[in-house]
Amino acid sequence: MNGGRKVGIVISGVGGQGILLAAEIMGKAALRAGMNALVSEVHGMAQRGGSVVCTVRIGDVYSPLIADGSADAILSLEPIEALRNLGCLKKEGIIVTDISQIIPFTVSSGLERYPPLPEVYAEMKKKCGRLLKIDALTLATDAGAKIARNITMLGALCGSGVLPFSKECLLETIRETVPAKFVEANERAFESGYEAAKNE
């Protein structure tokens, strides 16, 4: 299925959103599909509220790091975090972002300004080939898994067509990774994101 293609994904968000888990699932799914995968936390603290960035590289790769301008996709669980990482993206790359804002302390304390979302999206559109805006909070909540926004967004990334392995590889990895009592809700969350991306 891969055809020797290398794929680089930047996953961004804030601590507490499950960024590291999303990266782990993506890497394991690639291995399940018989592909090499390297995962790295680039910077940030996985503490609640701090910026977190992970990279996942799939294919014939020897480092998990993604050079500026070479990522095939940015998967972001917070719009401003996608904006912060635009420099990583290829000109024709795809951005899959949650539309829900998490206002950082620097903004709530008046030290910084959070740009209006239309400005954020306009800047993204200038720098990417395709932008998918996903209401992951609503989709995950409707699926009965409000805290599974990261899984909803993985579904959306899969639905975008950028990943070089099947939807089933991701679903099987989710089934193996999340606690058994949450599997069905996470599957629904994944499917809702997948369908949202397909219909975007």
N, C-alpha and C. Protein backbone atom coordinates (compact mmCIF):
# COMPACT_ATOMS: atom_id res chain seq x y z
N MET A 1 0.83 -1.20 0.00
CA MET A 1 0.00 0.00 0.00
C MET A 1 0.87 1.25 0.00
N ASN A 2 2.03 1.21 0.67
CA ASN A 2 2.87 2.40 0.81
C ASN A 2 3.61 2.74 -0.47
N GLY A 3 4.05 1.73 -1.20
CA GLY A 3 4.78 1.99 -2.42
C GLY A 3 6.11 2.68 -2.18
N GLY A 4 6.71 2.49 -1.01
CA GLY A 4 7.99 3.10 -0.72
C GLY A 4 7.90 4.56 -0.31
N ARG A 5 6.72 5.08 -0.22
CA ARG A 5 6.50 6.49 0.11
C ARG A 5 6.85 6.77 1.56
N LYS A 6 7.50 7.91 1.79
CA LYS A 6 7.76 8.38 3.15
C LYS A 6 6.69 9.39 3.51
N VAL A 7 6.18 9.29 4.72
CA VAL A 7 5.14 10.21 5.18
C VAL A 7 5.56 10.79 6.53
N GLY A 8 5.46 12.11 6.64
CA GLY A 8 5.79 12.78 7.89
C GLY A 8 4.59 13.54 8.43
N ILE A 9 4.25 13.29 9.69
CA ILE A 9 3.10 13.93 10.33
C ILE A 9 3.57 14.68 11.57
N VAL A 10 3.14 15.92 11.71
CA VAL A 10 3.36 16.69 12.94
C VAL A 10 2.04 16.69 13.70
N ILE A 11 2.08 16.30 14.97
CA ILE A 11 0.88 16.29 15.81
C ILE A 11 1.08 17.35 16.89
N SER A 12 0.15 18.29 16.98
CA SER A 12 0.32 19.39 17.94
C SER A 12 -0.94 19.58 18.77
N GLY A 13 -0.74 20.18 19.92
CA GLY A 13 -1.84 20.47 20.82
C GLY A 13 -1.29 20.95 22.14
N VAL A 14 -2.03 20.75 23.19
CA VAL A 14 -1.57 21.13 24.52
C VAL A 14 -1.62 19.91 25.44
N GLY A 15 -0.85 19.99 26.52
CA GLY A 15 -0.81 18.89 27.47
C GLY A 15 -2.19 18.53 27.98
N GLY A 16 -2.45 17.23 28.09
CA GLY A 16 -3.74 16.76 28.55
C GLY A 16 -4.69 16.37 27.44
N GLN A 17 -4.30 16.63 26.17
CA GLN A 17 -5.18 16.29 25.04
C GLN A 17 -4.90 14.92 24.44
N GLY A 18 -3.89 14.23 24.92
CA GLY A 18 -3.59 12.90 24.39
C GLY A 18 -2.77 12.92 23.11
N ILE A 19 -1.91 13.93 22.97
CA ILE A 19 -1.05 14.04 21.78
C ILE A 19 -0.09 12.86 21.71
N LEU A 20 0.53 12.53 22.83
CA LEU A 20 1.50 11.43 22.85
C LEU A 20 0.83 10.10 22.54
N LEU A 21 -0.38 9.90 23.05
CA LEU A 21 -1.12 8.67 22.75
C LEU A 21 -1.46 8.58 21.27
N ALA A 22 -1.88 9.69 20.67
CA ALA A 22 -2.19 9.70 19.24
C ALA A 22 -0.97 9.33 18.42
N ALA A 23 0.19 9.88 18.79
CA ALA A 23 1.43 9.56 18.07
C ALA A 23 1.80 8.09 18.24
N GLU A 24 1.64 7.58 19.45
CA GLU A 24 1.94 6.17 19.72
C GLU A 24 1.05 5.25 18.89
N ILE A 25 -0.24 5.55 18.83
CA ILE A 25 -1.18 4.73 18.06
C ILE A 25 -0.81 4.77 16.58
N MET A 26 -0.49 5.94 16.07
CA MET A 26 -0.14 6.06 14.66
C MET A 26 1.12 5.25 14.34
N GLY A 27 2.12 5.34 15.21
CA GLY A 27 3.35 4.59 14.99
C GLY A 27 3.12 3.09 15.03
N LYS A 28 2.35 2.63 16.01
CA LYS A 28 2.05 1.20 16.13
C LYS A 28 1.23 0.69 14.94
N ALA A 29 0.32 1.53 14.45
CA ALA A 29 -0.50 1.14 13.29
C ALA A 29 0.37 0.95 12.06
N ALA A 30 1.37 1.81 11.89
CA ALA A 30 2.29 1.67 10.76
C ALA A 30 3.07 0.36 10.88
N LEU A 31 3.55 0.05 12.08
CA LEU A 31 4.28 -1.20 12.29
C LEU A 31 3.38 -2.40 12.01
N ARG A 32 2.12 -2.30 12.42
CA ARG A 32 1.15 -3.37 12.16
C ARG A 32 1.00 -3.61 10.66
N ALA A 33 1.10 -2.53 9.89
CA ALA A 33 0.97 -2.62 8.43
C ALA A 33 2.27 -3.04 7.75
N GLY A 34 3.30 -3.32 8.55
CA GLY A 34 4.57 -3.78 8.00
C GLY A 34 5.49 -2.66 7.55
N MET A 35 5.27 -1.46 8.05
CA MET A 35 6.09 -0.31 7.69
C MET A 35 6.95 0.11 8.86
N ASN A 36 8.06 0.73 8.54
CA ASN A 36 8.89 1.33 9.58
C ASN A 36 8.21 2.61 10.06
N ALA A 37 8.34 2.90 11.35
CA ALA A 37 7.78 4.14 11.90
C ALA A 37 8.65 4.62 13.05
N LEU A 38 8.89 5.92 13.08
CA LEU A 38 9.65 6.54 14.16
C LEU A 38 8.83 7.67 14.74
N VAL A 39 8.76 7.71 16.06
CA VAL A 39 7.93 8.69 16.76
C VAL A 39 8.81 9.48 17.73
N SER A 40 8.58 10.78 17.80
CA SER A 40 9.35 11.60 18.73
C SER A 40 8.51 12.73 19.28
N GLU A 41 8.75 13.05 20.56
CA GLU A 41 8.21 14.29 21.12
C GLU A 41 9.26 15.35 20.85
N VAL A 42 8.92 16.33 20.03
CA VAL A 42 9.90 17.32 19.59
C VAL A 42 10.19 18.31 20.69
N HIS A 43 9.17 18.90 21.24
CA HIS A 43 9.36 19.85 22.34
C HIS A 43 8.06 19.99 23.09
N GLY A 44 8.14 20.69 24.18
CA GLY A 44 6.93 20.91 24.96
C GLY A 44 6.87 19.97 26.14
N MET A 45 6.04 20.31 27.06
CA MET A 45 5.85 19.51 28.25
C MET A 45 4.47 18.88 28.17
N ALA A 46 4.39 17.62 28.51
CA ALA A 46 3.10 16.95 28.46
C ALA A 46 2.29 17.26 29.71
N GLN A 47 2.54 18.42 30.30
CA GLN A 47 1.74 18.84 31.45
C GLN A 47 0.50 19.55 30.93
N ARG A 48 -0.55 19.50 31.69
CA ARG A 48 -1.81 20.09 31.25
C ARG A 48 -1.63 21.57 30.93
N GLY A 49 -1.98 21.94 29.70
CA GLY A 49 -1.95 23.34 29.30
C GLY A 49 -0.70 23.78 28.55
N GLY A 50 0.38 23.00 28.60
CA GLY A 50 1.60 23.37 27.87
C GLY A 50 1.58 22.85 26.45
N SER A 51 2.24 23.56 25.53
CA SER A 51 2.30 23.12 24.14
C SER A 51 3.03 21.78 24.02
N VAL A 52 2.49 20.89 23.21
CA VAL A 52 3.11 19.59 22.95
C VAL A 52 3.15 19.37 21.45
N VAL A 53 4.30 18.96 20.95
CA VAL A 53 4.45 18.63 19.54
C VAL A 53 5.14 17.28 19.42
N CYS A 54 4.55 16.39 18.64
CA CYS A 54 5.16 15.09 18.34
C CYS A 54 5.30 14.97 16.83
N THR A 55 6.26 14.17 16.41
CA THR A 55 6.37 13.86 14.99
C THR A 55 6.27 12.35 14.81
N VAL A 56 5.68 11.96 13.70
CA VAL A 56 5.62 10.56 13.30
C VAL A 56 6.10 10.49 11.86
N ARG A 57 7.14 9.70 11.63
CA ARG A 57 7.62 9.48 10.26
C ARG A 57 7.46 8.01 9.93
N ILE A 58 6.92 7.77 8.75
CA ILE A 58 6.57 6.42 8.32
C ILE A 58 7.26 6.13 7.00
N GLY A 59 7.78 4.91 6.85
CA GLY A 59 8.43 4.51 5.61
C GLY A 59 9.91 4.28 5.82
N ASP A 60 10.70 4.47 4.78
CA ASP A 60 12.14 4.23 4.82
C ASP A 60 12.83 5.44 5.44
N VAL A 61 12.69 5.58 6.75
CA VAL A 61 13.21 6.76 7.46
C VAL A 61 14.17 6.33 8.57
N TYR A 62 15.08 7.23 8.92
CA TYR A 62 16.12 6.91 9.90
C TYR A 62 16.13 7.87 11.08
N SER A 63 15.30 8.89 11.03
CA SER A 63 15.19 9.83 12.14
C SER A 63 13.72 10.22 12.27
N PRO A 64 13.25 10.42 13.50
CA PRO A 64 11.85 10.83 13.67
C PRO A 64 11.64 12.32 13.43
N LEU A 65 12.73 13.08 13.30
CA LEU A 65 12.61 14.53 13.17
C LEU A 65 12.19 14.92 11.76
N ILE A 66 11.38 15.97 11.67
CA ILE A 66 10.86 16.46 10.40
C ILE A 66 11.45 17.83 10.14
N ALA A 67 12.14 17.96 9.01
CA ALA A 67 12.75 19.25 8.65
C ALA A 67 11.67 20.25 8.27
N ASP A 68 11.98 21.52 8.43
CA ASP A 68 11.04 22.57 8.02
C ASP A 68 10.64 22.38 6.57
N GLY A 69 9.37 22.55 6.30
CA GLY A 69 8.85 22.47 4.94
C GLY A 69 8.75 21.07 4.38
N SER A 70 8.80 20.04 5.24
CA SER A 70 8.78 18.67 4.71
C SER A 70 7.66 17.79 5.25
N ALA A 71 6.85 18.28 6.19
CA ALA A 71 5.75 17.46 6.73
C ALA A 71 4.63 17.34 5.71
N ASP A 72 4.09 16.15 5.59
CA ASP A 72 2.94 15.93 4.70
C ASP A 72 1.66 16.43 5.32
N ALA A 73 1.60 16.43 6.65
CA ALA A 73 0.37 16.84 7.34
C ALA A 73 0.67 17.36 8.73
N ILE A 74 -0.19 18.26 9.17
CA ILE A 74 -0.24 18.67 10.58
C ILE A 74 -1.59 18.22 11.11
N LEU A 75 -1.55 17.45 12.18
CA LEU A 75 -2.76 17.07 12.90
C LEU A 75 -2.74 17.86 14.20
N SER A 76 -3.69 18.76 14.38
CA SER A 76 -3.65 19.62 15.57
C SER A 76 -4.96 19.55 16.34
N LEU A 77 -4.83 19.43 17.65
CA LEU A 77 -6.00 19.41 18.52
C LEU A 77 -6.36 20.78 19.04
N GLU A 78 -5.67 21.81 18.52
CA GLU A 78 -5.95 23.19 18.91
C GLU A 78 -5.49 24.09 17.77
N PRO A 79 -6.34 25.01 17.28
CA PRO A 79 -6.01 25.77 16.07
C PRO A 79 -4.72 26.58 16.15
N ILE A 80 -4.47 27.26 17.25
CA ILE A 80 -3.27 28.11 17.33
C ILE A 80 -2.01 27.26 17.34
N GLU A 81 -2.12 26.03 17.85
CA GLU A 81 -0.96 25.13 17.85
C GLU A 81 -0.64 24.67 16.43
N ALA A 82 -1.64 24.54 15.58
CA ALA A 82 -1.39 24.25 14.16
C ALA A 82 -0.65 25.43 13.53
N LEU A 83 -1.12 26.63 13.84
CA LEU A 83 -0.50 27.84 13.30
C LEU A 83 0.97 27.94 13.70
N ARG A 84 1.27 27.59 14.94
CA ARG A 84 2.66 27.65 15.43
C ARG A 84 3.58 26.74 14.64
N ASN A 85 3.03 25.67 14.07
CA ASN A 85 3.85 24.66 13.41
C ASN A 85 3.78 24.69 11.89
N LEU A 86 3.22 25.76 11.34
CA LEU A 86 3.07 25.86 9.88
C LEU A 86 4.39 25.74 9.14
N GLY A 87 5.48 26.19 9.75
CA GLY A 87 6.78 26.14 9.08
C GLY A 87 7.24 24.73 8.76
N CYS A 88 6.67 23.74 9.43
CA CYS A 88 7.05 22.34 9.19
C CYS A 88 6.41 21.78 7.92
N LEU A 89 5.31 22.40 7.47
CA LEU A 89 4.46 21.79 6.44
C LEU A 89 4.96 22.04 5.02
N LYS A 90 4.84 21.01 4.18
CA LYS A 90 5.06 21.18 2.74
C LYS A 90 4.02 22.15 2.18
N LYS A 91 4.36 22.79 1.08
CA LYS A 91 3.45 23.76 0.47
C LYS A 91 2.11 23.11 0.12
N GLU A 92 2.16 21.86 -0.34
CA GLU A 92 0.93 21.16 -0.74
C GLU A 92 0.38 20.28 0.39
N GLY A 93 0.92 20.43 1.59
CA GLY A 93 0.52 19.59 2.71
C GLY A 93 -0.89 19.86 3.20
N ILE A 94 -1.35 18.99 4.08
CA ILE A 94 -2.71 19.07 4.60
C ILE A 94 -2.68 19.42 6.09
N ILE A 95 -3.62 20.23 6.52
CA ILE A 95 -3.81 20.52 7.94
C ILE A 95 -5.17 19.98 8.35
N VAL A 96 -5.17 19.16 9.39
CA VAL A 96 -6.41 18.66 9.98
C VAL A 96 -6.43 19.21 11.41
N THR A 97 -7.34 20.16 11.66
CA THR A 97 -7.35 20.80 12.97
C THR A 97 -8.71 20.75 13.64
N ASP A 98 -8.67 20.57 14.95
CA ASP A 98 -9.87 20.71 15.78
C ASP A 98 -10.21 22.20 15.81
N ILE A 99 -11.49 22.53 15.84
CA ILE A 99 -11.89 23.94 15.87
C ILE A 99 -12.00 24.50 17.28
N SER A 100 -11.91 23.63 18.29
CA SER A 100 -12.05 24.08 19.68
C SER A 100 -10.79 24.78 20.16
N GLN A 101 -10.97 25.95 20.74
CA GLN A 101 -9.85 26.72 21.26
C GLN A 101 -9.58 26.37 22.72
N ILE A 102 -8.31 26.35 23.07
CA ILE A 102 -7.88 26.28 24.46
C ILE A 102 -7.06 27.54 24.70
N ILE A 103 -7.61 28.44 25.48
CA ILE A 103 -6.96 29.73 25.68
C ILE A 103 -5.79 29.57 26.65
N PRO A 104 -4.57 29.87 26.19
CA PRO A 104 -3.42 29.72 27.09
C PRO A 104 -3.40 30.79 28.17
N PHE A 105 -2.65 30.50 29.22
CA PHE A 105 -2.55 31.43 30.35
C PHE A 105 -2.06 32.80 29.91
N THR A 106 -1.13 32.81 28.94
CA THR A 106 -0.57 34.10 28.49
C THR A 106 -1.64 34.99 27.86
N VAL A 107 -2.68 34.37 27.29
CA VAL A 107 -3.79 35.14 26.71
C VAL A 107 -4.77 35.55 27.81
N SER A 108 -5.15 34.58 28.65
CA SER A 108 -6.13 34.89 29.71
C SER A 108 -5.59 35.92 30.70
N SER A 109 -4.26 35.98 30.83
CA SER A 109 -3.67 36.97 31.74
C SER A 109 -3.38 38.30 31.05
N GLY A 110 -3.69 38.39 29.74
CA GLY A 110 -3.53 39.65 29.02
C GLY A 110 -2.14 39.88 28.44
N LEU A 111 -1.25 38.89 28.53
CA LEU A 111 0.11 39.06 28.01
C LEU A 111 0.18 38.88 26.50
N GLU A 112 -0.72 38.08 25.95
CA GLU A 112 -0.75 37.84 24.51
C GLU A 112 -2.19 37.92 24.02
N ARG A 113 -2.34 37.95 22.69
CA ARG A 113 -3.65 37.99 22.07
C ARG A 113 -3.87 36.70 21.30
N TYR A 114 -5.06 36.13 21.43
CA TYR A 114 -5.42 34.96 20.61
C TYR A 114 -6.11 35.52 19.37
N PRO A 115 -5.53 35.32 18.19
CA PRO A 115 -6.14 35.89 16.99
C PRO A 115 -7.53 35.30 16.75
N PRO A 116 -8.44 36.06 16.15
CA PRO A 116 -9.74 35.50 15.80
C PRO A 116 -9.57 34.29 14.87
N LEU A 117 -10.42 33.27 15.05
CA LEU A 117 -10.27 32.04 14.27
C LEU A 117 -10.29 32.28 12.76
N PRO A 118 -11.12 33.19 12.22
CA PRO A 118 -11.04 33.42 10.77
C PRO A 118 -9.64 33.84 10.31
N GLU A 119 -8.94 34.62 11.13
CA GLU A 119 -7.56 35.01 10.80
C GLU A 119 -6.63 33.80 10.84
N VAL A 120 -6.82 32.97 11.85
CA VAL A 120 -6.00 31.76 12.00
C VAL A 120 -6.18 30.86 10.78
N TYR A 121 -7.44 30.63 10.38
CA TYR A 121 -7.71 29.75 9.24
C TYR A 121 -7.22 30.36 7.93
N ALA A 122 -7.34 31.67 7.78
CA ALA A 122 -6.86 32.34 6.56
C ALA A 122 -5.35 32.15 6.42
N GLU A 123 -4.63 32.26 7.53
CA GLU A 123 -3.18 32.07 7.50
C GLU A 123 -2.84 30.63 7.14
N MET A 124 -3.59 29.68 7.70
CA MET A 124 -3.36 28.27 7.38
C MET A 124 -3.57 28.02 5.89
N LYS A 125 -4.66 28.57 5.34
CA LYS A 125 -5.00 28.32 3.93
C LYS A 125 -3.91 28.83 3.00
N LYS A 126 -3.22 29.89 3.41
CA LYS A 126 -2.12 30.44 2.59
C LYS A 126 -0.95 29.47 2.51
N LYS A 127 -0.82 28.62 3.53
CA LYS A 127 0.39 27.80 3.66
C LYS A 127 0.16 26.31 3.42
N CYS A 128 -1.04 25.91 3.03
CA CYS A 128 -1.28 24.47 2.86
C CYS A 128 -2.07 24.20 1.58
N GLY A 129 -2.07 22.94 1.19
CA GLY A 129 -2.84 22.54 0.02
C GLY A 129 -4.29 22.26 0.36
N ARG A 130 -4.54 21.87 1.61
CA ARG A 130 -5.89 21.50 2.02
C ARG A 130 -6.04 21.69 3.53
N LEU A 131 -7.17 22.25 3.93
CA LEU A 131 -7.46 22.48 5.35
C LEU A 131 -8.77 21.80 5.71
N LEU A 132 -8.70 20.92 6.71
CA LEU A 132 -9.90 20.26 7.23
C LEU A 132 -10.14 20.74 8.65
N LYS A 133 -11.29 21.35 8.88
CA LYS A 133 -11.65 21.85 10.22
C LYS A 133 -12.68 20.89 10.81
N ILE A 134 -12.34 20.30 11.94
CA ILE A 134 -13.15 19.24 12.54
C ILE A 134 -13.65 19.69 13.92
N ASP A 135 -14.94 19.53 14.15
CA ASP A 135 -15.51 19.83 15.47
C ASP A 135 -15.39 18.56 16.32
N ALA A 136 -14.16 18.29 16.76
CA ALA A 136 -13.88 17.03 17.46
C ALA A 136 -14.60 16.92 18.79
N LEU A 137 -14.78 18.05 19.48
CA LEU A 137 -15.46 17.99 20.77
C LEU A 137 -16.89 17.50 20.62
N THR A 138 -17.62 18.07 19.67
CA THR A 138 -19.00 17.65 19.43
C THR A 138 -19.05 16.20 18.97
N LEU A 139 -18.17 15.84 18.03
CA LEU A 139 -18.18 14.48 17.50
C LEU A 139 -17.85 13.45 18.59
N ALA A 140 -16.82 13.73 19.38
CA ALA A 140 -16.44 12.80 20.45
C ALA A 140 -17.53 12.70 21.51
N THR A 141 -18.14 13.85 21.84
CA THR A 141 -19.21 13.85 22.85
C THR A 141 -20.40 13.05 22.35
N ASP A 142 -20.78 13.25 21.09
CA ASP A 142 -21.89 12.51 20.50
C ASP A 142 -21.60 11.01 20.44
N ALA A 143 -20.31 10.66 20.34
CA ALA A 143 -19.91 9.25 20.31
C ALA A 143 -19.86 8.64 21.71
N GLY A 144 -20.10 9.47 22.73
CA GLY A 144 -20.06 8.98 24.11
C GLY A 144 -18.66 8.91 24.67
N ALA A 145 -17.73 9.66 24.04
CA ALA A 145 -16.33 9.62 24.48
C ALA A 145 -15.75 11.02 24.43
N LYS A 146 -16.29 11.91 25.25
CA LYS A 146 -15.88 13.32 25.22
C LYS A 146 -14.37 13.50 25.32
N ILE A 147 -13.71 12.65 26.10
CA ILE A 147 -12.26 12.81 26.26
C ILE A 147 -11.46 12.20 25.11
N ALA A 148 -12.14 11.60 24.14
CA ALA A 148 -11.44 10.93 23.03
C ALA A 148 -11.33 11.82 21.80
N ARG A 149 -11.18 13.12 22.01
CA ARG A 149 -11.02 14.02 20.86
C ARG A 149 -9.79 13.65 20.04
N ASN A 150 -8.74 13.18 20.71
CA ASN A 150 -7.54 12.78 19.98
C ASN A 150 -7.84 11.62 19.03
N ILE A 151 -8.69 10.71 19.46
CA ILE A 151 -9.05 9.56 18.61
C ILE A 151 -9.95 10.03 17.46
N THR A 152 -10.85 10.95 17.74
CA THR A 152 -11.68 11.55 16.69
C THR A 152 -10.79 12.19 15.63
N MET A 153 -9.77 12.90 16.08
CA MET A 153 -8.87 13.57 15.14
C MET A 153 -8.00 12.58 14.37
N LEU A 154 -7.62 11.46 15.00
CA LEU A 154 -6.93 10.40 14.26
C LEU A 154 -7.82 9.86 13.15
N GLY A 155 -9.11 9.70 13.46
CA GLY A 155 -10.05 9.26 12.44
C GLY A 155 -10.12 10.25 11.29
N ALA A 156 -10.13 11.54 11.62
CA ALA A 156 -10.17 12.57 10.58
C ALA A 156 -8.91 12.54 9.72
N LEU A 157 -7.75 12.36 10.36
CA LEU A 157 -6.51 12.28 9.59
C LEU A 157 -6.55 11.08 8.65
N CYS A 158 -7.03 9.96 9.15
CA CYS A 158 -7.18 8.77 8.31
C CYS A 158 -8.13 9.04 7.16
N GLY A 159 -9.24 9.70 7.44
CA GLY A 159 -10.22 10.02 6.40
C GLY A 159 -9.70 10.99 5.35
N SER A 160 -8.66 11.75 5.70
CA SER A 160 -8.08 12.70 4.74
C SER A 160 -7.32 12.01 3.62
N GLY A 161 -6.94 10.75 3.85
CA GLY A 161 -6.22 9.99 2.83
C GLY A 161 -4.71 10.13 2.86
N VAL A 162 -4.16 10.84 3.83
CA VAL A 162 -2.72 11.08 3.86
C VAL A 162 -1.92 9.89 4.40
N LEU A 163 -2.55 9.04 5.19
CA LEU A 163 -1.82 7.94 5.81
C LEU A 163 -1.62 6.79 4.83
N PRO A 164 -0.46 6.14 4.87
CA PRO A 164 -0.15 5.09 3.90
C PRO A 164 -0.56 3.70 4.35
N PHE A 165 -1.49 3.62 5.29
CA PHE A 165 -1.98 2.31 5.73
C PHE A 165 -3.49 2.41 5.96
N SER A 166 -4.10 1.27 6.19
CA SER A 166 -5.56 1.20 6.20
C SER A 166 -6.18 1.71 7.50
N LYS A 167 -7.42 2.08 7.38
CA LYS A 167 -8.25 2.44 8.54
C LYS A 167 -8.27 1.30 9.55
N GLU A 168 -8.35 0.07 9.07
CA GLU A 168 -8.43 -1.08 9.97
C GLU A 168 -7.16 -1.23 10.82
N CYS A 169 -6.00 -0.88 10.25
CA CYS A 169 -4.76 -0.92 11.04
C CYS A 169 -4.85 0.01 12.24
N LEU A 170 -5.40 1.20 12.02
CA LEU A 170 -5.57 2.14 13.13
C LEU A 170 -6.59 1.63 14.14
N LEU A 171 -7.71 1.14 13.66
CA LEU A 171 -8.75 0.65 14.57
C LEU A 171 -8.25 -0.52 15.42
N GLU A 172 -7.53 -1.44 14.79
CA GLU A 172 -6.99 -2.58 15.55
C GLU A 172 -6.01 -2.10 16.62
N THR A 173 -5.22 -1.09 16.28
CA THR A 173 -4.25 -0.55 17.24
C THR A 173 -4.97 0.15 18.39
N ILE A 174 -6.03 0.88 18.08
CA ILE A 174 -6.83 1.52 19.13
C ILE A 174 -7.41 0.47 20.07
N ARG A 175 -7.93 -0.62 19.48
CA ARG A 175 -8.52 -1.70 20.30
C ARG A 175 -7.49 -2.29 21.26
N GLU A 176 -6.24 -2.37 20.81
CA GLU A 176 -5.17 -2.95 21.63
C GLU A 176 -4.65 -1.97 22.68
N THR A 177 -4.79 -0.67 22.41
CA THR A 177 -4.12 0.34 23.22
C THR A 177 -4.99 0.93 24.32
N VAL A 178 -6.26 1.20 24.02
CA VAL A 178 -7.11 1.83 25.03
C VAL A 178 -7.71 0.77 25.96
N PRO A 179 -8.03 1.13 27.20
CA PRO A 179 -8.65 0.16 28.11
C PRO A 179 -9.93 -0.44 27.51
N ALA A 180 -10.15 -1.72 27.77
CA ALA A 180 -11.24 -2.47 27.14
C ALA A 180 -12.60 -1.79 27.30
N LYS A 181 -12.86 -1.20 28.47
CA LYS A 181 -14.18 -0.61 28.70
C LYS A 181 -14.42 0.65 27.85
N PHE A 182 -13.34 1.21 27.26
CA PHE A 182 -13.49 2.42 26.44
C PHE A 182 -13.39 2.14 24.95
N VAL A 183 -13.18 0.88 24.57
CA VAL A 183 -12.92 0.56 23.16
C VAL A 183 -14.08 0.97 22.26
N GLU A 184 -15.30 0.59 22.61
CA GLU A 184 -16.44 0.89 21.72
C GLU A 184 -16.64 2.38 21.53
N ALA A 185 -16.54 3.15 22.60
CA ALA A 185 -16.71 4.60 22.49
C ALA A 185 -15.59 5.21 21.65
N ASN A 186 -14.37 4.70 21.80
CA ASN A 186 -13.26 5.20 20.99
C ASN A 186 -13.42 4.83 19.52
N GLU A 187 -13.95 3.65 19.26
CA GLU A 187 -14.22 3.27 17.86
C GLU A 187 -15.24 4.22 17.25
N ARG A 188 -16.29 4.54 18.00
CA ARG A 188 -17.30 5.48 17.49
C ARG A 188 -16.70 6.87 17.27
N ALA A 189 -15.84 7.29 18.20
CA ALA A 189 -15.18 8.59 18.06
C ALA A 189 -14.31 8.62 16.81
N PHE A 190 -13.57 7.54 16.59
CA PHE A 190 -12.72 7.43 15.40
C PHE A 190 -13.55 7.51 14.12
N GLU A 191 -14.62 6.71 14.08
CA GLU A 191 -15.48 6.67 12.89
C GLU A 191 -16.11 8.03 12.61
N SER A 192 -16.48 8.76 13.67
CA SER A 192 -17.11 10.07 13.46
C SER A 192 -16.12 11.05 12.85
N GLY A 193 -14.86 11.00 13.28
CA GLY A 193 -13.84 11.84 12.69
C GLY A 193 -13.54 11.45 11.26
N TYR A 194 -13.49 10.15 11.02
CA TYR A 194 -13.23 9.63 9.67
C TYR A 194 -14.29 10.12 8.70
N GLU A 195 -15.55 9.98 9.08
CA GLU A 195 -16.65 10.41 8.20
C GLU A 195 -16.67 11.92 8.02
N ALA A 196 -16.35 12.67 9.08
CA ALA A 196 -16.32 14.14 8.97
C ALA A 196 -15.29 14.58 7.95
N ALA A 197 -14.12 13.94 7.95
CA ALA A 197 -13.08 14.29 6.99
C ALA A 197 -13.49 13.90 5.58
N LYS A 198 -14.10 12.74 5.43
CA LYS A 198 -14.55 12.29 4.11
C LYS A 198 -15.59 13.25 3.53
N ASN A 199 -16.40 13.85 4.39
CA ASN A 199 -17.48 14.73 3.94
C ASN A 199 -17.08 16.20 3.87
N GLU A 200 -15.87 16.52 4.30
CA GLU A 200 -15.42 17.93 4.35
C GLU A 200 -15.13 18.45 2.95
